[in-house]
Amino acid sequence: MNEVIAIVQALPLAIKAGWVIWMAWVAAQVVWYRRARVAATTTPAVQPAAAPPVARRRSEPRPDPRSEPRPDHQEAAPVTTSSLPALDLSVIFDQASAADDGTPQQTGSILGLGPRPSSN
């Protein structure tokens, strides 16, 4: 034991201070960890949120808004499908297929990566 005390006394003051600060930091971490563990066991981690109270109003009879049409608003005419022009897309599809017959199709992905090489 005397040898250990002699070695510690021979160390420079900076090393002794560093060891004391490090031991105090370790002690603080142990105390913090134990308090956190005790607090975690006594209170639940997540408590359900309570809905805020809603003030309820007394129900009052209200007039039916569909019973009388309002004079200041006019009803819009219903839209029929016959008012839309007919679109013939067959010409566009025929031109696209005729243009694609002689050209090779590009393969790959949206990211610009080429196709995987075949394993055959």
N, C-alpha and C. Protein backbone atom coordinates (compact mmCIF):
# COMPACT_ATOMS: atom_id res chain seq x y z
N MET A 1 0.82 -1.19 0.00
CA MET A 1 0.00 0.00 0.00
C MET A 1 0.87 1.25 0.00
N ASN A 2 1.97 1.20 0.69
CA ASN A 2 2.88 2.34 0.73
C ASN A 2 3.45 2.63 -0.65
N GLU A 3 3.64 1.58 -1.46
CA GLU A 3 4.17 1.77 -2.81
C GLU A 3 3.16 2.52 -3.69
N VAL A 4 1.86 2.20 -3.55
CA VAL A 4 0.83 2.87 -4.34
C VAL A 4 0.75 4.33 -3.96
N ILE A 5 0.81 4.62 -2.67
CA ILE A 5 0.76 6.01 -2.21
C ILE A 5 1.99 6.77 -2.71
N ALA A 6 3.15 6.14 -2.72
CA ALA A 6 4.36 6.80 -3.20
C ALA A 6 4.26 7.10 -4.69
N ILE A 7 3.68 6.16 -5.47
CA ILE A 7 3.55 6.38 -6.92
C ILE A 7 2.58 7.53 -7.19
N VAL A 8 1.44 7.57 -6.46
CA VAL A 8 0.46 8.62 -6.66
C VAL A 8 1.05 9.97 -6.28
N GLN A 9 1.83 10.04 -5.21
CA GLN A 9 2.43 11.30 -4.81
C GLN A 9 3.48 11.76 -5.81
N ALA A 10 4.09 10.85 -6.55
CA ALA A 10 5.12 11.21 -7.52
C ALA A 10 4.51 11.73 -8.83
N LEU A 11 3.23 11.51 -9.06
CA LEU A 11 2.60 11.99 -10.29
C LEU A 11 2.48 13.50 -10.29
N PRO A 12 2.52 14.12 -11.49
CA PRO A 12 2.36 15.57 -11.56
C PRO A 12 0.93 15.99 -11.16
N LEU A 13 0.79 17.23 -10.77
CA LEU A 13 -0.49 17.76 -10.31
C LEU A 13 -1.55 17.73 -11.41
N ALA A 14 -1.21 17.94 -12.68
CA ALA A 14 -2.17 17.95 -13.78
C ALA A 14 -2.81 16.56 -13.94
N ILE A 15 -2.04 15.52 -13.81
CA ILE A 15 -2.59 14.17 -13.93
C ILE A 15 -3.51 13.87 -12.75
N LYS A 16 -3.14 14.27 -11.57
CA LYS A 16 -3.99 14.05 -10.39
C LYS A 16 -5.31 14.80 -10.56
N ALA A 17 -5.27 16.03 -11.03
CA ALA A 17 -6.49 16.82 -11.21
C ALA A 17 -7.37 16.19 -12.29
N GLY A 18 -6.77 15.70 -13.35
CA GLY A 18 -7.54 15.03 -14.40
C GLY A 18 -8.26 13.81 -13.88
N TRP A 19 -7.60 13.01 -13.07
CA TRP A 19 -8.24 11.83 -12.50
C TRP A 19 -9.38 12.21 -11.55
N VAL A 20 -9.21 13.25 -10.78
CA VAL A 20 -10.26 13.69 -9.86
C VAL A 20 -11.47 14.18 -10.64
N ILE A 21 -11.25 14.95 -11.69
CA ILE A 21 -12.36 15.46 -12.51
C ILE A 21 -13.08 14.30 -13.20
N TRP A 22 -12.32 13.33 -13.72
CA TRP A 22 -12.93 12.19 -14.39
C TRP A 22 -13.75 11.36 -13.41
N MET A 23 -13.27 11.14 -12.21
CA MET A 23 -14.03 10.37 -11.20
C MET A 23 -15.30 11.12 -10.79
N ALA A 24 -15.26 12.45 -10.70
CA ALA A 24 -16.46 13.22 -10.38
C ALA A 24 -17.48 13.11 -11.51
N TRP A 25 -17.02 13.12 -12.76
CA TRP A 25 -17.92 12.97 -13.90
C TRP A 25 -18.59 11.61 -13.89
N VAL A 26 -17.84 10.55 -13.59
CA VAL A 26 -18.40 9.20 -13.52
C VAL A 26 -19.45 9.13 -12.41
N ALA A 27 -19.18 9.72 -11.26
CA ALA A 27 -20.13 9.71 -10.15
C ALA A 27 -21.41 10.44 -10.55
N ALA A 28 -21.30 11.57 -11.24
CA ALA A 28 -22.48 12.31 -11.67
C ALA A 28 -23.30 11.49 -12.66
N GLN A 29 -22.66 10.76 -13.57
CA GLN A 29 -23.37 9.92 -14.53
C GLN A 29 -24.11 8.79 -13.83
N VAL A 30 -23.52 8.19 -12.82
CA VAL A 30 -24.17 7.11 -12.08
C VAL A 30 -25.40 7.64 -11.35
N VAL A 31 -25.29 8.79 -10.72
CA VAL A 31 -26.43 9.37 -10.01
C VAL A 31 -27.54 9.72 -11.00
N TRP A 32 -27.21 10.32 -12.13
CA TRP A 32 -28.20 10.68 -13.14
C TRP A 32 -28.90 9.45 -13.68
N TYR A 33 -28.14 8.37 -13.95
CA TYR A 33 -28.73 7.15 -14.48
C TYR A 33 -29.69 6.52 -13.48
N ARG A 34 -29.32 6.48 -12.23
CA ARG A 34 -30.20 5.88 -11.21
C ARG A 34 -31.48 6.70 -11.04
N ARG A 35 -31.38 8.01 -11.02
CA ARG A 35 -32.58 8.85 -10.89
C ARG A 35 -33.50 8.69 -12.11
N ALA A 36 -32.91 8.58 -13.28
CA ALA A 36 -33.73 8.40 -14.48
C ALA A 36 -34.44 7.04 -14.46
N ARG A 37 -33.78 6.01 -13.97
CA ARG A 37 -34.40 4.69 -13.89
C ARG A 37 -35.54 4.68 -12.87
N VAL A 38 -35.35 5.36 -11.74
CA VAL A 38 -36.41 5.42 -10.73
C VAL A 38 -37.59 6.21 -11.26
N ALA A 39 -37.34 7.32 -11.94
CA ALA A 39 -38.43 8.13 -12.48
C ALA A 39 -39.17 7.38 -13.57
N ALA A 40 -38.49 6.54 -14.34
CA ALA A 40 -39.14 5.79 -15.42
C ALA A 40 -40.05 4.70 -14.87
N THR A 41 -39.72 4.15 -13.71
CA THR A 41 -40.56 3.09 -13.16
C THR A 41 -41.75 3.64 -12.40
N THR A 42 -41.69 4.87 -11.92
CA THR A 42 -42.80 5.41 -11.13
C THR A 42 -43.85 6.10 -11.99
N THR A 43 -43.48 6.68 -13.13
CA THR A 43 -44.45 7.36 -13.99
C THR A 43 -44.49 6.65 -15.34
N PRO A 44 -45.66 6.55 -15.95
CA PRO A 44 -45.72 5.93 -17.28
C PRO A 44 -45.03 6.81 -18.31
N ALA A 45 -44.44 6.17 -19.31
CA ALA A 45 -43.69 6.91 -20.32
C ALA A 45 -44.60 7.79 -21.17
N VAL A 46 -45.76 7.26 -21.57
CA VAL A 46 -46.68 8.02 -22.42
C VAL A 46 -48.05 8.02 -21.77
N GLN A 47 -48.57 9.18 -21.54
CA GLN A 47 -49.90 9.29 -20.96
C GLN A 47 -50.87 9.66 -22.07
N PRO A 48 -52.03 9.02 -22.08
CA PRO A 48 -52.99 9.36 -23.13
C PRO A 48 -53.49 10.80 -22.96
N ALA A 49 -53.63 11.46 -24.08
CA ALA A 49 -54.08 12.85 -24.07
C ALA A 49 -55.58 12.90 -23.82
N ALA A 50 -55.98 13.78 -22.95
CA ALA A 50 -57.40 13.95 -22.65
C ALA A 50 -58.00 14.93 -23.64
N ALA A 51 -59.18 14.62 -24.11
CA ALA A 51 -59.86 15.51 -25.04
C ALA A 51 -60.32 16.76 -24.30
N PRO A 52 -60.16 17.93 -24.91
CA PRO A 52 -60.60 19.15 -24.24
C PRO A 52 -62.12 19.16 -24.12
N PRO A 53 -62.62 19.76 -23.07
CA PRO A 53 -64.07 19.80 -22.91
C PRO A 53 -64.72 20.66 -24.00
N VAL A 54 -65.86 20.21 -24.47
CA VAL A 54 -66.56 20.91 -25.54
C VAL A 54 -67.84 21.51 -24.95
N ALA A 55 -68.02 22.79 -25.18
CA ALA A 55 -69.23 23.45 -24.69
C ALA A 55 -70.39 23.03 -25.57
N ARG A 56 -71.45 22.53 -24.97
CA ARG A 56 -72.62 22.10 -25.73
C ARG A 56 -73.68 23.18 -25.70
N ARG A 57 -74.28 23.35 -26.87
CA ARG A 57 -75.33 24.35 -26.97
C ARG A 57 -76.68 23.66 -26.93
N ARG A 58 -77.64 24.40 -26.51
CA ARG A 58 -78.99 23.89 -26.49
C ARG A 58 -79.49 23.81 -27.92
N SER A 59 -80.08 22.70 -28.26
CA SER A 59 -80.54 22.55 -29.64
C SER A 59 -81.76 23.42 -29.86
N GLU A 60 -81.73 24.14 -30.96
CA GLU A 60 -82.82 25.04 -31.30
C GLU A 60 -83.40 24.59 -32.63
N PRO A 61 -84.70 24.69 -32.79
CA PRO A 61 -85.27 24.31 -34.09
C PRO A 61 -84.84 25.31 -35.16
N ARG A 62 -84.43 24.78 -36.27
CA ARG A 62 -83.98 25.63 -37.38
C ARG A 62 -84.87 25.36 -38.58
N PRO A 63 -85.08 26.38 -39.40
CA PRO A 63 -85.90 26.16 -40.61
C PRO A 63 -85.14 25.28 -41.60
N ASP A 64 -85.88 24.50 -42.35
CA ASP A 64 -85.29 23.63 -43.35
C ASP A 64 -84.84 24.48 -44.54
N PRO A 65 -83.54 24.50 -44.89
CA PRO A 65 -83.10 25.36 -45.97
C PRO A 65 -83.59 24.90 -47.34
N ARG A 66 -84.05 23.67 -47.45
CA ARG A 66 -84.51 23.17 -48.75
C ARG A 66 -85.99 23.46 -48.97
N SER A 67 -86.67 23.91 -47.93
CA SER A 67 -88.11 24.11 -48.08
C SER A 67 -88.44 25.30 -48.98
N GLU A 68 -87.69 26.37 -48.92
CA GLU A 68 -87.98 27.57 -49.71
C GLU A 68 -86.74 27.96 -50.52
N PRO A 69 -86.87 28.14 -51.82
CA PRO A 69 -85.70 28.60 -52.59
C PRO A 69 -85.43 30.06 -52.29
N ARG A 70 -84.19 30.39 -52.25
CA ARG A 70 -83.80 31.78 -51.98
C ARG A 70 -83.94 32.58 -53.26
N PRO A 71 -84.51 33.77 -53.18
CA PRO A 71 -84.67 34.57 -54.40
C PRO A 71 -83.35 35.16 -54.90
N ASP A 72 -82.36 35.33 -54.02
CA ASP A 72 -81.12 35.97 -54.44
C ASP A 72 -80.15 34.98 -55.12
N HIS A 73 -80.42 33.69 -55.01
CA HIS A 73 -79.56 32.69 -55.64
C HIS A 73 -80.34 31.95 -56.70
N GLN A 74 -79.72 31.81 -57.86
CA GLN A 74 -80.35 31.04 -58.92
C GLN A 74 -79.63 29.71 -59.04
N GLU A 75 -80.36 28.67 -59.28
CA GLU A 75 -79.76 27.36 -59.41
C GLU A 75 -79.05 27.26 -60.75
N ALA A 76 -77.89 26.63 -60.72
CA ALA A 76 -77.11 26.47 -61.94
C ALA A 76 -77.68 25.30 -62.73
N ALA A 77 -77.61 25.41 -64.03
CA ALA A 77 -78.10 24.35 -64.90
C ALA A 77 -77.15 23.16 -64.78
N PRO A 78 -77.69 21.96 -64.72
CA PRO A 78 -76.81 20.79 -64.62
C PRO A 78 -76.00 20.62 -65.90
N VAL A 79 -74.74 20.19 -65.72
CA VAL A 79 -73.84 20.00 -66.85
C VAL A 79 -74.12 18.63 -67.44
N THR A 80 -74.33 18.59 -68.71
CA THR A 80 -74.58 17.32 -69.39
C THR A 80 -73.35 16.94 -70.18
N THR A 81 -73.21 15.66 -70.42
CA THR A 81 -72.05 15.19 -71.16
C THR A 81 -72.14 15.54 -72.64
N SER A 82 -73.32 15.82 -73.14
CA SER A 82 -73.45 16.15 -74.56
C SER A 82 -72.88 17.53 -74.89
N SER A 83 -72.70 18.38 -73.88
CA SER A 83 -72.16 19.71 -74.15
C SER A 83 -70.66 19.68 -74.36
N LEU A 84 -70.01 18.55 -74.05
CA LEU A 84 -68.57 18.45 -74.25
C LEU A 84 -68.29 17.90 -75.64
N PRO A 85 -67.25 18.41 -76.32
CA PRO A 85 -66.94 17.89 -77.65
C PRO A 85 -66.35 16.49 -77.54
N ALA A 86 -66.61 15.69 -78.54
CA ALA A 86 -66.06 14.33 -78.58
C ALA A 86 -64.62 14.39 -79.05
N LEU A 87 -63.76 13.62 -78.41
CA LEU A 87 -62.35 13.57 -78.77
C LEU A 87 -62.06 12.23 -79.42
N ASP A 88 -61.44 12.27 -80.58
CA ASP A 88 -61.06 11.05 -81.27
C ASP A 88 -59.55 10.91 -81.15
N LEU A 89 -59.09 10.02 -80.28
CA LEU A 89 -57.67 9.84 -80.04
C LEU A 89 -57.06 8.74 -80.89
N SER A 90 -57.84 8.10 -81.74
CA SER A 90 -57.31 7.00 -82.54
C SER A 90 -56.25 7.49 -83.51
N VAL A 91 -56.38 8.71 -84.03
CA VAL A 91 -55.39 9.25 -84.95
C VAL A 91 -54.05 9.41 -84.25
N ILE A 92 -54.07 9.89 -83.03
CA ILE A 92 -52.83 10.10 -82.27
C ILE A 92 -52.18 8.76 -81.98
N PHE A 93 -52.97 7.76 -81.59
CA PHE A 93 -52.42 6.45 -81.29
C PHE A 93 -51.85 5.79 -82.55
N ASP A 94 -52.53 5.96 -83.69
CA ASP A 94 -52.04 5.38 -84.94
C ASP A 94 -50.72 6.00 -85.35
N GLN A 95 -50.59 7.31 -85.21
CA GLN A 95 -49.34 7.98 -85.58
C GLN A 95 -48.20 7.57 -84.64
N ALA A 96 -48.50 7.42 -83.35
CA ALA A 96 -47.46 7.04 -82.39
C ALA A 96 -46.99 5.61 -82.64
N SER A 97 -47.91 4.71 -82.94
CA SER A 97 -47.51 3.33 -83.18
C SER A 97 -46.74 3.21 -84.49
N ALA A 98 -47.10 4.00 -85.52
CA ALA A 98 -46.37 3.96 -86.79
C ALA A 98 -44.97 4.51 -86.62
N ALA A 99 -44.78 5.53 -85.79
CA ALA A 99 -43.46 6.11 -85.56
C ALA A 99 -42.58 5.18 -84.73
N ASP A 100 -43.18 4.39 -83.86
CA ASP A 100 -42.41 3.52 -82.98
C ASP A 100 -42.05 2.19 -83.61
N ASP A 101 -42.63 1.84 -84.77
CA ASP A 101 -42.37 0.54 -85.36
C ASP A 101 -40.91 0.36 -85.75
N GLY A 102 -40.28 1.39 -86.26
CA GLY A 102 -38.91 1.26 -86.74
C GLY A 102 -37.86 1.63 -85.71
N THR A 103 -38.24 2.22 -84.59
CA THR A 103 -37.26 2.67 -83.61
C THR A 103 -37.19 1.69 -82.45
N PRO A 104 -36.00 1.45 -81.92
CA PRO A 104 -35.90 0.56 -80.75
C PRO A 104 -36.49 1.23 -79.52
N GLN A 105 -37.08 0.45 -78.66
CA GLN A 105 -37.67 0.96 -77.42
C GLN A 105 -36.58 1.16 -76.38
N GLN A 106 -36.66 2.26 -75.69
CA GLN A 106 -35.69 2.55 -74.65
C GLN A 106 -36.11 1.83 -73.38
N THR A 107 -35.19 1.15 -72.74
CA THR A 107 -35.48 0.46 -71.48
C THR A 107 -34.65 1.10 -70.39
N GLY A 108 -35.04 0.91 -69.17
CA GLY A 108 -34.33 1.47 -68.04
C GLY A 108 -35.32 1.90 -66.99
N SER A 109 -34.86 2.75 -66.12
CA SER A 109 -35.72 3.20 -65.04
C SER A 109 -35.81 4.71 -65.05
N ILE A 110 -36.62 5.23 -64.19
CA ILE A 110 -36.78 6.67 -64.07
C ILE A 110 -35.47 7.33 -63.64
N LEU A 111 -34.67 6.60 -62.86
CA LEU A 111 -33.43 7.16 -62.35
C LEU A 111 -32.32 7.18 -63.40
N GLY A 112 -32.59 6.63 -64.59
CA GLY A 112 -31.59 6.64 -65.64
C GLY A 112 -30.66 5.45 -65.56
N LEU A 113 -30.99 4.46 -64.76
CA LEU A 113 -30.15 3.28 -64.65
C LEU A 113 -30.48 2.33 -65.79
N GLY A 114 -29.48 1.72 -66.32
CA GLY A 114 -29.68 0.78 -67.41
C GLY A 114 -30.28 -0.52 -66.88
N PRO A 115 -30.75 -1.36 -67.78
CA PRO A 115 -31.32 -2.64 -67.35
C PRO A 115 -30.22 -3.52 -66.76
N ARG A 116 -30.63 -4.43 -65.91
CA ARG A 116 -29.67 -5.36 -65.31
C ARG A 116 -29.17 -6.32 -66.38
N PRO A 117 -27.90 -6.69 -66.31
CA PRO A 117 -27.42 -7.67 -67.27
C PRO A 117 -28.05 -9.03 -66.97
N SER A 118 -28.34 -9.76 -68.04
CA SER A 118 -28.98 -11.06 -67.84
C SER A 118 -27.99 -12.04 -67.24
N SER A 119 -28.49 -12.95 -66.42
CA SER A 119 -27.61 -13.91 -65.74
C SER A 119 -27.44 -15.17 -66.56
N ASN A 120 -27.99 -15.23 -67.78
CA ASN A 120 -27.88 -16.45 -68.61
C ASN A 120 -26.53 -16.53 -69.23
